[in-house]
Amino acid sequence: MNKRMIGRSETSDFAQWPEPTILICSDPNRQVQDDYYTNGFQRWPSSNDVYLMFPSIYHRHQNYVDSELWISRNNQQWYKFQDPLLPIEPPGMSYIGHGSWKSIGKAEKLPAWRYPMMLYKINHGVKKPAKGKFGEIRAIEWKEDRFCGLSNKKEGLSEFWTPSMLVKSKYMFLNAVIRENGFIFIELWDDFMRKTLPGFGLDDFDEKTGDINLEQLTWNDIGDIRDFDDVHLRVRMKFKNATIFSISFRDEEN
């Protein structure tokens, strides 16, 4: 069976293209009849070294298409998430195709990033669809810096640790959503001494609720961590009914 792949080629002469480098080919975890349709390549808004692809996958036997999210920092090595980016309609009912970014104003000034989605409510295998209105153009929208995150899908407690790192910034910020009856607790851990930093444990953490968009973190009203710039720091997070999108370190307060 012939299979489509996604490759990359670059040239200054549009009439002369070198042989493309294959970036994405058939996933061994997929069914043999699954095939790539589009690449949906874009740059991450306001960034010069983060690249995105939203390739559409055609499932031939089931006759529908879904879409993945792939991410790269150098436009050469690409990594994807296991599950499709968008939920799909019942098999045979939808085709999702992606074009280019269409934003109102500058992307970095928007509270959300928007991406066009074409939706056709027909069986994809139909060669000559009936005339009439059967398609729609919609917008997929993510809040800024919320393409993906850590989320516990089941009831219960989840825990995550970052690798050891040296932090030279003064303050720590959180981007997360805490759902009903949920919580997030965060502590700072000295990886060399193998112990929690005094005053920065889970019990000291000033709890957050709701939609947290890059809010500064504090422990007993203390948020300045500059005294730990020589500590091999790990961040420990315990959470329930929540999604953590990012933690970040900065020198300026909110």
C-alpha atoms as a PDB file:
ATOM      1  CA  MET A   1       0.000   0.000   0.000  1.00  0.00           C
ATOM      2  CA  ASN A   2       1.365   3.427  -0.939  1.00  0.00           C
ATOM      3  CA  LYS A   3       1.672   5.703   2.079  1.00  0.00           C
ATOM      4  CA  ARG A   4       1.944   9.464   2.237  1.00  0.00           C
ATOM      5  CA  MET A   5       4.730  11.068   4.273  1.00  0.00           C
ATOM      6  CA  ILE A   6       5.542  14.615   5.372  1.00  0.00           C
ATOM      7  CA  GLY A   7       8.902  15.983   4.243  1.00  0.00           C
ATOM      8  CA  ARG A   8      10.796  19.260   4.298  1.00  0.00           C
ATOM      9  CA  SER A   9      12.845  20.916   1.569  1.00  0.00           C
ATOM     10  CA  GLU A  10      14.289  24.431   1.375  1.00  0.00           C
ATOM     11  CA  THR A  11      15.580  26.453  -1.574  1.00  0.00           C
ATOM     12  CA  SER A  12      16.188  29.996  -2.775  1.00  0.00           C
ATOM     13  CA  ASP A  13      15.266  28.980  -6.339  1.00  0.00           C
ATOM     14  CA  PHE A  14      11.635  27.963  -6.656  1.00  0.00           C
ATOM     15  CA  ALA A  15      12.411  26.082  -9.879  1.00  0.00           C
ATOM     16  CA  GLN A  16      15.097  23.929  -8.227  1.00  0.00           C
ATOM     17  CA  TRP A  17      14.169  21.949  -5.126  1.00  0.00           C
ATOM     18  CA  PRO A  18      16.516  19.486  -3.393  1.00  0.00           C
ATOM     19  CA  GLU A  19      15.310  16.072  -2.321  1.00  0.00           C
ATOM     20  CA  PRO A  20      13.101  16.551   0.769  1.00  0.00           C
ATOM     21  CA  THR A  21      14.050  15.255   4.189  1.00  0.00           C
ATOM     22  CA  ILE A  22      11.350  12.963   5.562  1.00  0.00           C
ATOM     23  CA  LEU A  23      10.052  14.315   8.879  1.00  0.00           C
ATOM     24  CA  ILE A  24       6.979  12.178   9.554  1.00  0.00           C
ATOM     25  CA  CYS A  25       6.169   8.772   8.128  1.00  0.00           C
ATOM     26  CA  SER A  26       3.842   5.943   9.060  1.00  0.00           C
ATOM     27  CA  ASP A  27       3.518   5.446  12.802  1.00  0.00           C
ATOM     28  CA  PRO A  28       4.052   1.767  13.722  1.00  0.00           C
ATOM     29  CA  ASN A  29       1.360   2.167  16.379  1.00  0.00           C
ATOM     30  CA  ARG A  30      -1.220   3.074  13.747  1.00  0.00           C
ATOM     31  CA  GLN A  31      -3.311   0.812  11.580  1.00  0.00           C
ATOM     32  CA  VAL A  32      -1.706   0.005   8.234  1.00  0.00           C
ATOM     33  CA  GLN A  33      -4.546   1.718   6.370  1.00  0.00           C
ATOM     34  CA  ASP A  34      -4.046   5.065   8.166  1.00  0.00           C
ATOM     35  CA  ASP A  35      -2.480   7.780   6.035  1.00  0.00           C
ATOM     36  CA  TYR A  36      -1.296  11.385   6.417  1.00  0.00           C
ATOM     37  CA  TYR A  37      -3.233  13.966   4.425  1.00  0.00           C
ATOM     38  CA  THR A  38      -1.932  17.434   5.301  1.00  0.00           C
ATOM     39  CA  ASN A  39       0.826  18.983   7.399  1.00  0.00           C
ATOM     40  CA  GLY A  40      -0.775  22.217   8.678  1.00  0.00           C
ATOM     41  CA  PHE A  41       2.663  23.705   9.373  1.00  0.00           C
ATOM     42  CA  GLN A  42       2.823  26.913  11.425  1.00  0.00           C
ATOM     43  CA  ARG A  43       5.189  28.782  13.696  1.00  0.00           C
ATOM     44  CA  TRP A  44       4.260  29.214  17.325  1.00  0.00           C
ATOM     45  CA  PRO A  45       2.858  32.767  17.606  1.00  0.00           C
ATOM     46  CA  SER A  46       5.507  35.377  18.517  1.00  0.00           C
ATOM     47  CA  SER A  47       8.289  32.754  18.600  1.00  0.00           C
ATOM     48  CA  ASN A  48      11.213  32.137  16.232  1.00  0.00           C
ATOM     49  CA  ASP A  49      12.248  28.680  17.423  1.00  0.00           C
ATOM     50  CA  VAL A  50       9.022  26.771  18.091  1.00  0.00           C
ATOM     51  CA  TYR A  51       7.210  25.069  15.227  1.00  0.00           C
ATOM     52  CA  LEU A  52       3.819  23.369  15.029  1.00  0.00           C
ATOM     53  CA  MET A  53       2.177  20.910  12.674  1.00  0.00           C
ATOM     54  CA  PHE A  54      -1.478  19.888  12.651  1.00  0.00           C
ATOM     55  CA  PRO A  55      -1.414  16.924  10.243  1.00  0.00           C
ATOM     56  CA  SER A  56      -4.709  15.304   9.325  1.00  0.00           C
ATOM     57  CA  ILE A  57      -4.832  11.498   9.467  1.00  0.00           C
ATOM     58  CA  TYR A  58      -7.122   9.641   7.078  1.00  0.00           C
ATOM     59  CA  HIS A  59      -8.444   6.382   8.526  1.00  0.00           C
ATOM     60  CA  ARG A  60      -9.333   4.610   5.289  1.00  0.00           C
ATOM     61  CA  HIS A  61     -11.353   1.687   6.635  1.00  0.00           C
ATOM     62  CA  GLN A  62     -13.413   3.816   9.023  1.00  0.00           C
ATOM     63  CA  ASN A  63     -13.563   6.615   6.425  1.00  0.00           C
ATOM     64  CA  TYR A  64     -12.911   9.635   8.650  1.00  0.00           C
ATOM     65  CA  VAL A  65     -10.114  12.097   9.356  1.00  0.00           C
ATOM     66  CA  ASP A  66      -8.752  13.376  12.665  1.00  0.00           C
ATOM     67  CA  SER A  67      -5.869  15.713  13.498  1.00  0.00           C
ATOM     68  CA  GLU A  68      -2.691  15.489  15.571  1.00  0.00           C
ATOM     69  CA  LEU A  69      -0.422  18.082  17.147  1.00  0.00           C
ATOM     70  CA  TRP A  70       3.323  17.845  16.467  1.00  0.00           C
ATOM     71  CA  ILE A  71       5.929  20.179  18.009  1.00  0.00           C
ATOM     72  CA  SER A  72       9.550  20.967  17.114  1.00  0.00           C
ATOM     73  CA  ARG A  73      12.230  23.372  18.332  1.00  0.00           C
ATOM     74  CA  ASN A  74      14.450  23.158  15.223  1.00  0.00           C
ATOM     75  CA  ASN A  75      12.033  22.269  12.388  1.00  0.00           C
ATOM     76  CA  GLN A  76      13.899  18.977  11.947  1.00  0.00           C
ATOM     77  CA  GLN A  77      13.037  16.700  14.883  1.00  0.00           C
ATOM     78  CA  TRP A  78       9.337  16.451  15.616  1.00  0.00           C
ATOM     79  CA  TYR A  79       7.396  15.046  18.563  1.00  0.00           C
ATOM     80  CA  LYS A  80       3.693  14.325  18.851  1.00  0.00           C
ATOM     81  CA  PHE A  81       1.089  13.627  21.474  1.00  0.00           C
ATOM     82  CA  GLN A  82      -0.496  10.211  21.584  1.00  0.00           C
ATOM     83  CA  ASP A  83      -4.133  11.202  21.237  1.00  0.00           C
ATOM     84  CA  PRO A  84      -5.741  13.285  18.463  1.00  0.00           C
ATOM     85  CA  LEU A  85      -5.762  16.995  19.162  1.00  0.00           C
ATOM     86  CA  LEU A  86      -9.472  17.419  18.467  1.00  0.00           C
ATOM     87  CA  PRO A  87     -12.369  15.085  19.241  1.00  0.00           C
ATOM     88  CA  ILE A  88     -13.844  13.633  16.062  1.00  0.00           C
ATOM     89  CA  GLU A  89     -17.415  13.217  14.916  1.00  0.00           C
ATOM     90  CA  PRO A  90     -18.820   9.702  14.372  1.00  0.00           C
ATOM     91  CA  PRO A  91     -16.869   7.788  11.690  1.00  0.00           C
ATOM     92  CA  GLY A  92     -17.731   8.925   8.181  1.00  0.00           C
ATOM     93  CA  MET A  93     -19.270  12.196   9.332  1.00  0.00           C
ATOM     94  CA  SER A  94     -16.435  14.724   9.386  1.00  0.00           C
ATOM     95  CA  TYR A  95     -13.307  15.845   7.626  1.00  0.00           C
ATOM     96  CA  ILE A  96     -10.989  18.237   9.435  1.00  0.00           C
ATOM     97  CA  GLY A  97      -8.486  20.175   7.322  1.00  0.00           C
ATOM     98  CA  HIS A  98      -6.180  22.965   8.410  1.00  0.00           C
ATOM     99  CA  GLY A  99      -4.992  26.098   6.632  1.00  0.00           C
ATOM    100  CA  SER A 100      -2.863  28.963   7.871  1.00  0.00           C
ATOM    101  CA  TRP A 101      -3.117  31.090  10.998  1.00  0.00           C
ATOM    102  CA  LYS A 102      -5.929  33.613  10.765  1.00  0.00           C
ATOM    103  CA  SER A 103      -5.782  36.021  13.682  1.00  0.00           C
ATOM    104  CA  ILE A 104      -7.287  39.440  14.246  1.00  0.00           C
ATOM    105  CA  GLY A 105      -4.394  41.730  15.059  1.00  0.00           C
ATOM    106  CA  LYS A 106      -1.069  40.396  16.290  1.00  0.00           C
ATOM    107  CA  ALA A 107      -1.104  36.930  17.797  1.00  0.00           C
ATOM    108  CA  GLU A 108       1.090  37.875  20.749  1.00  0.00           C
ATOM    109  CA  LYS A 109      -1.451  40.502  21.844  1.00  0.00           C
ATOM    110  CA  LEU A 110      -4.441  38.200  21.749  1.00  0.00           C
ATOM    111  CA  PRO A 111      -5.720  36.466  24.884  1.00  0.00           C
ATOM    112  CA  ALA A 112      -6.331  33.429  22.676  1.00  0.00           C
ATOM    113  CA  TRP A 113      -4.865  31.850  19.545  1.00  0.00           C
ATOM    114  CA  ARG A 114      -7.252  30.943  16.736  1.00  0.00           C
ATOM    115  CA  TYR A 115      -6.843  28.441  13.948  1.00  0.00           C
ATOM    116  CA  PRO A 116      -9.294  27.735  11.099  1.00  0.00           C
ATOM    117  CA  MET A 117     -10.994  24.369  10.802  1.00  0.00           C
ATOM    118  CA  MET A 118     -12.941  23.164   7.782  1.00  0.00           C
ATOM    119  CA  LEU A 119     -15.686  20.685   8.607  1.00  0.00           C
ATOM    120  CA  TYR A 120     -17.615  18.657   6.036  1.00  0.00           C
ATOM    121  CA  LYS A 121     -20.550  16.556   7.236  1.00  0.00           C
ATOM    122  CA  ILE A 122     -20.245  13.968   4.492  1.00  0.00           C
ATOM    123  CA  ASN A 123     -18.707  10.554   4.098  1.00  0.00           C
ATOM    124  CA  HIS A 124     -15.099  11.156   3.074  1.00  0.00           C
ATOM    125  CA  GLY A 125     -15.114   8.309   0.555  1.00  0.00           C
ATOM    126  CA  VAL A 126     -17.869   9.857  -1.589  1.00  0.00           C
ATOM    127  CA  LYS A 127     -16.322  10.797  -4.941  1.00  0.00           C
ATOM    128  CA  LYS A 128     -19.070  13.194  -6.042  1.00  0.00           C
ATOM    129  CA  PRO A 129     -20.918  14.606  -3.020  1.00  0.00           C
ATOM    130  CA  ALA A 130     -24.433  15.871  -3.476  1.00  0.00           C
ATOM    131  CA  LYS A 131     -24.823  19.572  -4.154  1.00  0.00           C
ATOM    132  CA  GLY A 132     -25.871  21.790  -1.313  1.00  0.00           C
ATOM    133  CA  LYS A 133     -24.621  23.217   1.952  1.00  0.00           C
ATOM    134  CA  PHE A 134     -22.772  20.445   3.725  1.00  0.00           C
ATOM    135  CA  GLY A 135     -19.631  22.187   4.994  1.00  0.00           C
ATOM    136  CA  GLU A 136     -18.694  24.704   7.664  1.00  0.00           C
ATOM    137  CA  ILE A 137     -15.690  26.834   8.551  1.00  0.00           C
ATOM    138  CA  ARG A 138     -15.065  27.151  12.264  1.00  0.00           C
ATOM    139  CA  ALA A 139     -12.288  28.452  14.495  1.00  0.00           C
ATOM    140  CA  ILE A 140     -10.340  26.332  16.943  1.00  0.00           C
ATOM    141  CA  GLU A 141      -9.287  28.492  19.860  1.00  0.00           C
ATOM    142  CA  TRP A 142      -6.769  28.004  22.650  1.00  0.00           C
ATOM    143  CA  LYS A 143      -5.933  30.424  25.400  1.00  0.00           C
ATOM    144  CA  GLU A 144      -2.374  31.676  25.163  1.00  0.00           C
ATOM    145  CA  ASP A 145       0.252  29.041  26.045  1.00  0.00           C
ATOM    146  CA  ARG A 146      -2.412  26.364  26.544  1.00  0.00           C
ATOM    147  CA  PHE A 147      -1.921  23.956  23.679  1.00  0.00           C
ATOM    148  CA  CYS A 148      -1.186  21.119  26.088  1.00  0.00           C
ATOM    149  CA  GLY A 149      -0.859  20.413  29.792  1.00  0.00           C
ATOM    150  CA  LEU A 150      -0.747  17.849  32.579  1.00  0.00           C
ATOM    151  CA  SER A 151      -4.239  16.721  33.546  1.00  0.00           C
ATOM    152  CA  ASN A 152      -5.517  13.883  35.689  1.00  0.00           C
ATOM    153  CA  LYS A 153      -8.351  12.260  33.785  1.00  0.00           C
ATOM    154  CA  LYS A 154      -9.602  10.142  36.673  1.00  0.00           C
ATOM    155  CA  GLU A 155     -10.701  10.972  40.178  1.00  0.00           C
ATOM    156  CA  GLY A 156      -7.831  10.881  42.597  1.00  0.00           C
ATOM    157  CA  LEU A 157      -4.528  12.564  43.294  1.00  0.00           C
ATOM    158  CA  SER A 158      -1.759  13.088  40.738  1.00  0.00           C
ATOM    159  CA  GLU A 159       1.856  14.055  41.372  1.00  0.00           C
ATOM    160  CA  PHE A 160       4.569  15.446  39.101  1.00  0.00           C
ATOM    161  CA  TRP A 161       8.230  16.400  39.661  1.00  0.00           C
ATOM    162  CA  THR A 162      10.396  18.539  37.404  1.00  0.00           C
ATOM    163  CA  PRO A 163      14.024  17.624  36.698  1.00  0.00           C
ATOM    164  CA  SER A 164      16.710  19.282  38.817  1.00  0.00           C
ATOM    165  CA  MET A 165      17.594  22.818  37.678  1.00  0.00           C
ATOM    166  CA  LEU A 166      19.389  25.987  38.745  1.00  0.00           C
ATOM    167  CA  VAL A 167      16.980  28.938  38.864  1.00  0.00           C
ATOM    168  CA  LYS A 168      18.401  32.461  38.735  1.00  0.00           C
ATOM    169  CA  SER A 169      15.068  34.302  38.665  1.00  0.00           C
ATOM    170  CA  LYS A 170      13.258  35.800  41.645  1.00  0.00           C
ATOM    171  CA  TYR A 171       9.662  34.695  41.211  1.00  0.00           C
ATOM    172  CA  MET A 172       7.679  31.669  40.081  1.00  0.00           C
ATOM    173  CA  PHE A 173       4.457  31.735  38.055  1.00  0.00           C
ATOM    174  CA  LEU A 174       1.730  29.194  37.303  1.00  0.00           C
ATOM    175  CA  ASN A 175      -0.522  28.740  34.276  1.00  0.00           C
ATOM    176  CA  ALA A 176      -3.297  26.274  35.159  1.00  0.00           C
ATOM    177  CA  VAL A 177      -7.011  25.590  35.502  1.00  0.00           C
ATOM    178  CA  ILE A 178      -8.434  24.140  38.722  1.00  0.00           C
ATOM    179  CA  ARG A 179     -11.855  22.595  38.263  1.00  0.00           C
ATOM    180  CA  GLU A 180     -14.628  22.062  40.812  1.00  0.00           C
ATOM    181  CA  ASN A 181     -13.452  20.272  43.972  1.00  0.00           C
ATOM    182  CA  GLY A 182      -9.888  20.413  42.670  1.00  0.00           C
ATOM    183  CA  PHE A 183      -6.621  21.823  43.955  1.00  0.00           C
ATOM    184  CA  ILE A 184      -2.920  22.276  43.210  1.00  0.00           C
ATOM    185  CA  PHE A 185      -0.192  22.256  45.852  1.00  0.00           C
ATOM    186  CA  ILE A 186       3.424  23.045  44.990  1.00  0.00           C
ATOM    187  CA  GLU A 187       6.664  22.730  46.932  1.00  0.00           C
ATOM    188  CA  LEU A 188      10.320  23.472  46.229  1.00  0.00           C
ATOM    189  CA  TRP A 189      12.790  20.637  46.783  1.00  0.00           C
ATOM    190  CA  ASP A 190      16.564  20.767  47.295  1.00  0.00           C
ATOM    191  CA  ASP A 191      17.722  17.883  45.111  1.00  0.00           C
ATOM    192  CA  PHE A 192      21.297  17.897  46.463  1.00  0.00           C
ATOM    193  CA  MET A 193      20.260  17.828  50.140  1.00  0.00           C
ATOM    194  CA  ARG A 194      17.251  15.604  49.360  1.00  0.00           C
ATOM    195  CA  LYS A 195      14.780  17.663  51.371  1.00  0.00           C
ATOM    196  CA  THR A 196      12.081  20.305  51.061  1.00  0.00           C
ATOM    197  CA  LEU A 197      13.286  23.899  51.230  1.00  0.00           C
ATOM    198  CA  PRO A 198      12.241  25.281  54.647  1.00  0.00           C
ATOM    199  CA  GLY A 199       9.057  27.331  54.365  1.00  0.00           C
ATOM    200  CA  PHE A 200       8.356  26.190  50.798  1.00  0.00           C
ATOM    201  CA  GLY A 201       6.588  22.868  51.389  1.00  0.00           C
ATOM    202  CA  LEU A 202       3.179  21.680  50.283  1.00  0.00           C
ATOM    203  CA  ASP A 203       1.617  22.792  53.579  1.00  0.00           C
ATOM    204  CA  ASP A 204       3.133  26.280  53.190  1.00  0.00           C
ATOM    205  CA  PHE A 205       1.756  26.846  49.698  1.00  0.00           C
ATOM    206  CA  ASP A 206      -0.831  29.623  49.289  1.00  0.00           C
ATOM    207  CA  GLU A 207      -3.612  27.803  47.460  1.00  0.00           C
ATOM    208  CA  LYS A 208      -4.956  28.975  44.105  1.00  0.00           C
ATOM    209  CA  THR A 209      -8.424  28.408  42.643  1.00  0.00           C
ATOM    210  CA  GLY A 210     -10.137  28.662  39.274  1.00  0.00           C
ATOM    211  CA  ASP A 211      -8.479  29.890  36.080  1.00  0.00           C
ATOM    212  CA  ILE A 212      -4.865  30.800  36.856  1.00  0.00           C
ATOM    213  CA  ASN A 213      -3.224  32.702  34.012  1.00  0.00           C
ATOM    214  CA  LEU A 214       0.455  33.197  34.894  1.00  0.00           C
ATOM    215  CA  GLU A 215      -0.174  34.156  38.506  1.00  0.00           C
ATOM    216  CA  GLN A 216       2.747  34.550  40.901  1.00  0.00           C
ATOM    217  CA  LEU A 217       3.139  31.791  43.495  1.00  0.00           C
ATOM    218  CA  THR A 218       3.730  32.359  47.204  1.00  0.00           C
ATOM    219  CA  TRP A 219       4.323  30.262  50.305  1.00  0.00           C
ATOM    220  CA  ASN A 220       2.966  31.909  53.488  1.00  0.00           C
ATOM    221  CA  ASP A 221       2.855  35.166  51.479  1.00  0.00           C
ATOM    222  CA  ILE A 222       6.531  34.834  50.482  1.00  0.00           C
ATOM    223  CA  GLY A 223       7.275  34.617  46.764  1.00  0.00           C
ATOM    224  CA  ASP A 224      10.903  35.729  46.496  1.00  0.00           C
ATOM    225  CA  ILE A 225      13.134  32.696  45.795  1.00  0.00           C
ATOM    226  CA  ARG A 226      16.339  34.538  44.849  1.00  0.00           C
ATOM    227  CA  ASP A 227      18.163  33.099  47.892  1.00  0.00           C
ATOM    228  CA  PHE A 228      18.007  29.661  46.260  1.00  0.00           C
ATOM    229  CA  ASP A 229      19.856  30.537  43.049  1.00  0.00           C
ATOM    230  CA  ASP A 230      22.643  28.058  43.890  1.00  0.00           C
ATOM    231  CA  VAL A 231      20.249  25.238  44.856  1.00  0.00           C
ATOM    232  CA  HIS A 232      19.653  22.291  42.538  1.00  0.00           C
ATOM    233  CA  LEU A 233      15.926  22.891  42.573  1.00  0.00           C
ATOM    234  CA  ARG A 234      13.095  20.517  41.774  1.00  0.00           C
ATOM    235  CA  VAL A 235       9.440  21.539  41.726  1.00  0.00           C
ATOM    236  CA  ARG A 236       6.945  19.051  43.139  1.00  0.00           C
ATOM    237  CA  MET A 237       3.267  19.393  42.251  1.00  0.00           C
ATOM    238  CA  LYS A 238       0.298  17.521  43.705  1.00  0.00           C
ATOM    239  CA  PHE A 239      -3.028  18.144  42.034  1.00  0.00           C
ATOM    240  CA  LYS A 240      -6.586  16.903  41.641  1.00  0.00           C
ATOM    241  CA  ASN A 241      -9.244  17.874  39.082  1.00  0.00           C
ATOM    242  CA  ALA A 242      -6.805  20.318  37.525  1.00  0.00           C
ATOM    243  CA  THR A 243      -4.708  20.913  34.422  1.00  0.00           C
ATOM    244  CA  ILE A 244      -1.221  22.407  34.696  1.00  0.00           C
ATOM    245  CA  PHE A 245      -0.083  24.111  31.500  1.00  0.00           C
ATOM    246  CA  SER A 246       3.215  25.617  32.612  1.00  0.00           C
ATOM    247  CA  ILE A 247       5.378  26.928  35.401  1.00  0.00           C
ATOM    248  CA  SER A 248       7.818  29.736  34.712  1.00  0.00           C
ATOM    249  CA  PHE A 249      10.407  31.863  36.479  1.00  0.00           C
ATOM    250  CA  ARG A 250      10.835  35.622  36.059  1.00  0.00           C
ATOM    251  CA  ASP A 251      12.595  38.544  37.678  1.00  0.00           C
ATOM    252  CA  GLU A 252       9.529  40.801  37.697  1.00  0.00           C
ATOM    253  CA  GLU A 253       6.478  40.493  39.917  1.00  0.00           C
ATOM    254  CA  ASN A 254       2.940  40.672  38.528  1.00  0.00           C
END
